[in-house]
Amino acid sequence: MKMATKTVLLIISLCFVTFILILYGIGAFLVKSCYKIDECEYCYDVINDTAKHNAAVDVLLCACQKARANDYENNSLNNEIIDMYKSITGNTGSTKDICEGRKPLMKYK
């Protein structure tokens, strides 16, 4: 191969590697996800299952405060609480049971 061809291939290879490293760096900063119910929002690192569970519990606790303050009359909020609770525990229950502690809701350490 000619020297110019080798140089061009080397430059292209370096650009490709640099591009991959930049994407990796961006991805490292964007590996967060969030749970949100109404105005309650908690984020977690997607690679940390404990943080994911605890964020869901925090969102439920916050949403429960809002539900209690409204005497559990906001059906949309109630349904979101019930859905979130089911997604993290696999169990169902009424919003009132979930928010008043008759259904277990625990954070991991």
C-alpha atoms as a PDB file:
ATOM      1  CA  MET A   1       0.000   0.000   0.000  1.00  0.00           C
ATOM      2  CA  LYS A   2       1.041   3.511  -0.567  1.00  0.00           C
ATOM      3  CA  MET A   3       1.932   5.643   2.417  1.00  0.00           C
ATOM      4  CA  ALA A   4      -0.948   8.052   1.704  1.00  0.00           C
ATOM      5  CA  THR A   5      -3.512   5.218   1.777  1.00  0.00           C
ATOM      6  CA  LYS A   6      -2.154   3.938   5.096  1.00  0.00           C
ATOM      7  CA  THR A   7      -2.326   7.446   6.546  1.00  0.00           C
ATOM      8  CA  VAL A   8      -5.916   7.917   5.423  1.00  0.00           C
ATOM      9  CA  LEU A   9      -6.909   4.536   6.897  1.00  0.00           C
ATOM     10  CA  LEU A  10      -5.185   5.430  10.177  1.00  0.00           C
ATOM     11  CA  ILE A  11      -7.007   8.773  10.354  1.00  0.00           C
ATOM     12  CA  ILE A  12     -10.357   7.119   9.622  1.00  0.00           C
ATOM     13  CA  SER A  13      -9.680   4.482  12.279  1.00  0.00           C
ATOM     14  CA  LEU A  14      -8.756   7.129  14.862  1.00  0.00           C
ATOM     15  CA  CYS A  15     -11.893   9.116  14.049  1.00  0.00           C
ATOM     16  CA  PHE A  16     -14.019   5.999  14.464  1.00  0.00           C
ATOM     17  CA  VAL A  17     -12.428   5.115  17.810  1.00  0.00           C
ATOM     18  CA  THR A  18     -12.841   8.716  19.004  1.00  0.00           C
ATOM     19  CA  PHE A  19     -16.497   8.677  17.964  1.00  0.00           C
ATOM     20  CA  ILE A  20     -17.102   5.435  19.892  1.00  0.00           C
ATOM     21  CA  LEU A  21     -15.384   6.860  22.990  1.00  0.00           C
ATOM     22  CA  ILE A  22     -17.516  10.011  22.811  1.00  0.00           C
ATOM     23  CA  LEU A  23     -20.699   7.925  22.578  1.00  0.00           C
ATOM     24  CA  TYR A  24     -19.557   5.824  25.524  1.00  0.00           C
ATOM     25  CA  GLY A  25     -18.894   8.963  27.566  1.00  0.00           C
ATOM     26  CA  ILE A  26     -22.296  10.417  26.748  1.00  0.00           C
ATOM     27  CA  GLY A  27     -23.950   7.130  27.655  1.00  0.00           C
ATOM     28  CA  ALA A  28     -22.183   7.046  31.018  1.00  0.00           C
ATOM     29  CA  PHE A  29     -23.878  10.313  31.942  1.00  0.00           C
ATOM     30  CA  LEU A  30     -27.285   9.288  30.621  1.00  0.00           C
ATOM     31  CA  VAL A  31     -27.768   5.999  32.447  1.00  0.00           C
ATOM     32  CA  LYS A  32     -30.384   7.431  34.755  1.00  0.00           C
ATOM     33  CA  SER A  33     -34.076   6.839  34.599  1.00  0.00           C
ATOM     34  CA  CYS A  34     -36.892   8.269  36.664  1.00  0.00           C
ATOM     35  CA  TYR A  35     -40.180   7.266  38.202  1.00  0.00           C
ATOM     36  CA  LYS A  36     -42.858   9.914  38.256  1.00  0.00           C
ATOM     37  CA  ILE A  37     -46.350  10.104  39.695  1.00  0.00           C
ATOM     38  CA  ASP A  38     -48.034  13.496  39.526  1.00  0.00           C
ATOM     39  CA  GLU A  39     -45.387  15.978  40.728  1.00  0.00           C
ATOM     40  CA  CYS A  40     -43.381  13.322  42.586  1.00  0.00           C
ATOM     41  CA  GLU A  41     -40.257  12.295  40.702  1.00  0.00           C
ATOM     42  CA  TYR A  42     -37.252  10.259  41.781  1.00  0.00           C
ATOM     43  CA  CYS A  43     -34.400   9.158  39.534  1.00  0.00           C
ATOM     44  CA  TYR A  44     -32.049   6.208  39.781  1.00  0.00           C
ATOM     45  CA  ASP A  45     -29.091   4.609  38.014  1.00  0.00           C
ATOM     46  CA  VAL A  46     -30.434   1.954  35.686  1.00  0.00           C
ATOM     47  CA  ILE A  47     -27.653  -0.438  36.617  1.00  0.00           C
ATOM     48  CA  ASN A  48     -28.515  -0.311  40.334  1.00  0.00           C
ATOM     49  CA  ASP A  49     -31.544  -2.466  41.198  1.00  0.00           C
ATOM     50  CA  THR A  50     -31.613  -1.295  44.825  1.00  0.00           C
ATOM     51  CA  ALA A  51     -31.698   2.361  43.781  1.00  0.00           C
ATOM     52  CA  LYS A  52     -34.427   1.554  41.251  1.00  0.00           C
ATOM     53  CA  HIS A  53     -36.619  -0.082  43.896  1.00  0.00           C
ATOM     54  CA  ASN A  54     -35.974   2.671  46.436  1.00  0.00           C
ATOM     55  CA  ALA A  55     -36.827   5.376  43.897  1.00  0.00           C
ATOM     56  CA  ALA A  56     -40.151   3.640  43.236  1.00  0.00           C
ATOM     57  CA  VAL A  57     -40.863   3.510  46.983  1.00  0.00           C
ATOM     58  CA  ASP A  58     -39.961   7.199  47.347  1.00  0.00           C
ATOM     59  CA  VAL A  59     -42.319   8.111  44.514  1.00  0.00           C
ATOM     60  CA  LEU A  60     -45.089   6.086  46.138  1.00  0.00           C
ATOM     61  CA  LEU A  61     -44.539   7.722  49.520  1.00  0.00           C
ATOM     62  CA  CYS A  62     -44.641  11.177  47.982  1.00  0.00           C
ATOM     63  CA  ALA A  63     -47.736  10.352  45.919  1.00  0.00           C
ATOM     64  CA  CYS A  64     -49.412   8.896  48.993  1.00  0.00           C
ATOM     65  CA  GLN A  65     -48.978  12.215  50.793  1.00  0.00           C
ATOM     66  CA  LYS A  66     -50.809  13.923  47.933  1.00  0.00           C
ATOM     67  CA  ALA A  67     -53.518  11.255  47.866  1.00  0.00           C
ATOM     68  CA  ARG A  68     -54.102  11.521  51.627  1.00  0.00           C
ATOM     69  CA  ALA A  69     -54.265  15.308  51.423  1.00  0.00           C
ATOM     70  CA  ASN A  70     -57.060  14.901  48.839  1.00  0.00           C
ATOM     71  CA  ASP A  71     -58.883  12.212  50.861  1.00  0.00           C
ATOM     72  CA  TYR A  72     -58.067   9.717  48.080  1.00  0.00           C
ATOM     73  CA  GLU A  73     -60.497  11.423  45.695  1.00  0.00           C
ATOM     74  CA  ASN A  74     -58.140  11.811  42.705  1.00  0.00           C
ATOM     75  CA  ASN A  75     -58.822   8.620  40.725  1.00  0.00           C
ATOM     76  CA  SER A  76     -55.967   9.220  38.299  1.00  0.00           C
ATOM     77  CA  LEU A  77     -53.468   9.578  41.139  1.00  0.00           C
ATOM     78  CA  ASN A  78     -54.954   6.551  42.911  1.00  0.00           C
ATOM     79  CA  ASN A  79     -54.580   4.418  39.787  1.00  0.00           C
ATOM     80  CA  GLU A  80     -50.974   5.478  39.302  1.00  0.00           C
ATOM     81  CA  ILE A  81     -50.190   4.557  42.911  1.00  0.00           C
ATOM     82  CA  ILE A  82     -51.856   1.161  42.509  1.00  0.00           C
ATOM     83  CA  ASP A  83     -50.014   0.504  39.219  1.00  0.00           C
ATOM     84  CA  MET A  84     -46.628   1.498  40.660  1.00  0.00           C
ATOM     85  CA  TYR A  85     -47.191  -0.612  43.759  1.00  0.00           C
ATOM     86  CA  LYS A  86     -48.091  -3.626  41.625  1.00  0.00           C
ATOM     87  CA  SER A  87     -45.047  -3.118  39.398  1.00  0.00           C
ATOM     88  CA  ILE A  88     -42.602  -3.238  42.315  1.00  0.00           C
ATOM     89  CA  THR A  89     -44.301  -5.813  44.552  1.00  0.00           C
ATOM     90  CA  GLY A  90     -46.402  -7.913  42.199  1.00  0.00           C
ATOM     91  CA  ASN A  91     -49.328  -7.427  44.591  1.00  0.00           C
ATOM     92  CA  THR A  92     -52.428  -5.303  44.417  1.00  0.00           C
ATOM     93  CA  GLY A  93     -54.296  -3.265  46.956  1.00  0.00           C
ATOM     94  CA  SER A  94     -56.329  -0.139  47.327  1.00  0.00           C
ATOM     95  CA  THR A  95     -54.593   3.213  47.431  1.00  0.00           C
ATOM     96  CA  LYS A  96     -55.730   3.671  51.004  1.00  0.00           C
ATOM     97  CA  ASP A  97     -54.277   0.292  52.048  1.00  0.00           C
ATOM     98  CA  ILE A  98     -50.993   1.039  50.298  1.00  0.00           C
ATOM     99  CA  CYS A  99     -50.667   4.562  51.664  1.00  0.00           C
ATOM    100  CA  GLU A 100     -51.724   3.780  55.205  1.00  0.00           C
ATOM    101  CA  GLY A 101     -49.316   0.891  55.629  1.00  0.00           C
ATOM    102  CA  ARG A 102     -51.701  -2.041  55.459  1.00  0.00           C
ATOM    103  CA  LYS A 103     -49.761  -3.218  52.406  1.00  0.00           C
ATOM    104  CA  PRO A 104     -46.008  -3.690  52.839  1.00  0.00           C
ATOM    105  CA  LEU A 105     -43.787  -1.066  51.279  1.00  0.00           C
ATOM    106  CA  MET A 106     -40.136  -1.192  52.223  1.00  0.00           C
ATOM    107  CA  LYS A 107     -36.936   0.328  50.925  1.00  0.00           C
ATOM    108  CA  TYR A 108     -33.809  -1.784  50.456  1.00  0.00           C
ATOM    109  CA  LYS A 109     -30.573  -0.931  52.190  1.00  0.00           C
END
